[in-house]
C-alpha atoms as a PDB file:
ATOM      1  CA  MET A   1       0.000   0.000   0.000  1.00  0.00           C
ATOM      2  CA  THR A   2       1.520   3.342  -1.019  1.00  0.00           C
ATOM      3  CA  ASN A   3       0.685   6.737   0.339  1.00  0.00           C
ATOM      4  CA  GLU A   4       0.183   9.291  -2.433  1.00  0.00           C
ATOM      5  CA  HIS A   5       1.160  12.146  -0.088  1.00  0.00           C
ATOM      6  CA  ILE A   6       4.643  10.886   0.811  1.00  0.00           C
ATOM      7  CA  GLY A   7       7.115  13.439  -0.498  1.00  0.00           C
ATOM      8  CA  SER A   8       4.436  16.112  -0.876  1.00  0.00           C
ATOM      9  CA  SER A   9       4.620  19.454   0.858  1.00  0.00           C
ATOM     10  CA  LEU A  10       1.968  20.830   3.180  1.00  0.00           C
ATOM     11  CA  ASP A  11       1.198  23.457   0.531  1.00  0.00           C
ATOM     12  CA  ASP A  12       0.528  20.679  -2.009  1.00  0.00           C
ATOM     13  CA  LEU A  13      -1.845  18.950   0.381  1.00  0.00           C
ATOM     14  CA  LEU A  14      -3.667  22.167   1.219  1.00  0.00           C
ATOM     15  CA  GLN A  15      -4.018  23.039  -2.471  1.00  0.00           C
ATOM     16  CA  GLU A  16      -5.551  19.625  -3.119  1.00  0.00           C
ATOM     17  CA  ASP A  17      -8.050  20.345  -0.353  1.00  0.00           C
ATOM     18  CA  ALA A  18      -8.592  23.922  -1.647  1.00  0.00           C
ATOM     19  CA  ALA A  19      -7.661  25.241   1.799  1.00  0.00           C
ATOM     20  CA  LEU A  20      -4.349  26.969   1.019  1.00  0.00           C
ATOM     21  CA  GLU A  21      -5.852  30.444   0.579  1.00  0.00           C
ATOM     22  CA  GLU A  22      -7.827  30.179   3.817  1.00  0.00           C
ATOM     23  CA  VAL A  23      -4.831  28.951   5.813  1.00  0.00           C
ATOM     24  CA  THR A  24      -2.661  31.686   4.291  1.00  0.00           C
ATOM     25  CA  ALA A  25      -5.241  34.371   5.158  1.00  0.00           C
ATOM     26  CA  ILE A  26      -5.392  33.169   8.763  1.00  0.00           C
ATOM     27  CA  ALA A  27      -1.598  33.156   9.023  1.00  0.00           C
ATOM     28  CA  VAL A  28      -1.345  36.693   7.645  1.00  0.00           C
ATOM     29  CA  LYS A  29      -4.083  37.913   9.980  1.00  0.00           C
ATOM     30  CA  ARG A  30      -2.339  36.351  12.983  1.00  0.00           C
ATOM     31  CA  VAL A  31       0.843  38.233  12.150  1.00  0.00           C
ATOM     32  CA  ILE A  32      -1.023  41.528  11.678  1.00  0.00           C
ATOM     33  CA  ALA A  33      -3.000  41.124  14.917  1.00  0.00           C
ATOM     34  CA  TRP A  34       0.184  40.211  16.802  1.00  0.00           C
ATOM     35  CA  GLN A  35       2.088  43.218  15.417  1.00  0.00           C
ATOM     36  CA  ILE A  36      -0.715  45.607  16.373  1.00  0.00           C
ATOM     37  CA  ALA A  37      -0.994  44.095  19.863  1.00  0.00           C
ATOM     38  CA  GLN A  38       2.778  44.336  20.353  1.00  0.00           C
ATOM     39  CA  GLU A  39       2.799  47.989  19.287  1.00  0.00           C
ATOM     40  CA  MET A  40      -0.147  48.735  21.584  1.00  0.00           C
ATOM     41  CA  LYS A  41       1.815  47.172  24.444  1.00  0.00           C
ATOM     42  CA  ALA A  42       4.963  49.144  23.556  1.00  0.00           C
ATOM     43  CA  GLN A  43       2.984  52.389  23.479  1.00  0.00           C
ATOM     44  CA  LYS A  44       0.969  51.400  26.572  1.00  0.00           C
ATOM     45  CA  LEU A  45      -2.304  51.883  24.655  1.00  0.00           C
ATOM     46  CA  THR A  46      -5.512  50.216  25.756  1.00  0.00           C
ATOM     47  CA  LYS A  47      -8.049  48.958  23.260  1.00  0.00           C
ATOM     48  CA  THR A  48     -10.302  51.856  24.189  1.00  0.00           C
ATOM     49  CA  ALA A  49      -7.532  54.389  23.587  1.00  0.00           C
ATOM     50  CA  LEU A  50      -6.518  52.905  20.228  1.00  0.00           C
ATOM     51  CA  ALA A  51     -10.149  52.687  19.104  1.00  0.00           C
ATOM     52  CA  ALA A  52     -10.570  56.375  19.952  1.00  0.00           C
ATOM     53  CA  LYS A  53      -7.421  57.285  17.986  1.00  0.00           C
ATOM     54  CA  MET A  54      -8.794  55.268  15.052  1.00  0.00           C
ATOM     55  CA  HIS A  55     -12.215  56.948  15.353  1.00  0.00           C
ATOM     56  CA  THR A  56     -13.882  53.546  15.607  1.00  0.00           C
ATOM     57  CA  SER A  57     -15.526  51.325  18.197  1.00  0.00           C
ATOM     58  CA  ARG A  58     -13.859  48.848  20.505  1.00  0.00           C
ATOM     59  CA  ALA A  59     -15.897  46.132  18.798  1.00  0.00           C
ATOM     60  CA  ALA A  60     -14.305  47.034  15.441  1.00  0.00           C
ATOM     61  CA  LEU A  61     -10.853  46.998  17.060  1.00  0.00           C
ATOM     62  CA  ASN A  62     -11.611  43.604  18.634  1.00  0.00           C
ATOM     63  CA  ARG A  63     -12.401  42.256  15.147  1.00  0.00           C
ATOM     64  CA  LEU A  64      -9.089  43.656  13.908  1.00  0.00           C
ATOM     65  CA  LEU A  65      -7.234  41.943  16.761  1.00  0.00           C
ATOM     66  CA  ASP A  66      -9.138  38.653  16.342  1.00  0.00           C
ATOM     67  CA  GLU A  67      -6.604  36.418  14.610  1.00  0.00           C
ATOM     68  CA  HIS A  68      -9.345  34.109  13.306  1.00  0.00           C
ATOM     69  CA  ASP A  69     -11.453  36.866  11.704  1.00  0.00           C
ATOM     70  CA  THR A  70      -9.889  37.336   8.279  1.00  0.00           C
ATOM     71  CA  SER A  71     -12.375  39.985   7.107  1.00  0.00           C
ATOM     72  CA  LEU A  72      -9.907  42.848   7.368  1.00  0.00           C
ATOM     73  CA  THR A  73     -10.219  45.916   5.161  1.00  0.00           C
ATOM     74  CA  LEU A  74      -7.230  47.922   4.024  1.00  0.00           C
ATOM     75  CA  THR A  75      -8.954  51.040   5.379  1.00  0.00           C
ATOM     76  CA  THR A  76      -9.116  49.545   8.873  1.00  0.00           C
ATOM     77  CA  LEU A  77      -5.535  48.355   8.686  1.00  0.00           C
ATOM     78  CA  ALA A  78      -4.316  51.759   7.467  1.00  0.00           C
ATOM     79  CA  SER A  79      -6.309  53.477  10.219  1.00  0.00           C
ATOM     80  CA  ALA A  80      -4.764  51.285  12.922  1.00  0.00           C
ATOM     81  CA  ALA A  81      -1.280  51.825  11.518  1.00  0.00           C
ATOM     82  CA  ALA A  82      -1.731  55.602  11.404  1.00  0.00           C
ATOM     83  CA  ALA A  83      -3.120  55.653  14.952  1.00  0.00           C
ATOM     84  CA  LEU A  84       0.028  53.806  16.050  1.00  0.00           C
ATOM     85  CA  GLY A  85       2.308  56.142  14.099  1.00  0.00           C
ATOM     86  CA  LYS A  86       3.134  53.405  11.587  1.00  0.00           C
ATOM     87  CA  THR A  87       2.553  52.722   7.902  1.00  0.00           C
ATOM     88  CA  VAL A  88       1.402  49.604   6.094  1.00  0.00           C
ATOM     89  CA  LYS A  89       3.645  47.883   3.587  1.00  0.00           C
ATOM     90  CA  LEU A  90       2.091  45.169   1.402  1.00  0.00           C
ATOM     91  CA  GLU A  91       3.579  43.264  -1.492  1.00  0.00           C
ATOM     92  CA  LEU A  92       2.785  40.286  -3.658  1.00  0.00           C
ATOM     93  CA  ALA A  93       5.441  37.608  -3.508  1.00  0.00           C
ATOM     94  CA  ASN A  94       6.202  34.357  -5.310  1.00  0.00           C
END
């Protein structure tokens, strides 16, 4: 009995299952949420304070910080970055 997946990469397996894009989106969101949380900690900003600087609600900020919620808009991301004194840098890669 041979296993067709021996020698395959995780990416290959995920592509076969059509889950690669979803897993990638979750991974990217985890990094973004972690970076924002780390910067909040460094600047000693509470969620309430950052939400106020972003001119949004705490509920919207909680969605941004939720690593499993991948429905992130560029506007929200740019707003959070600006409120933290940062910029957003995105690129497509191979």
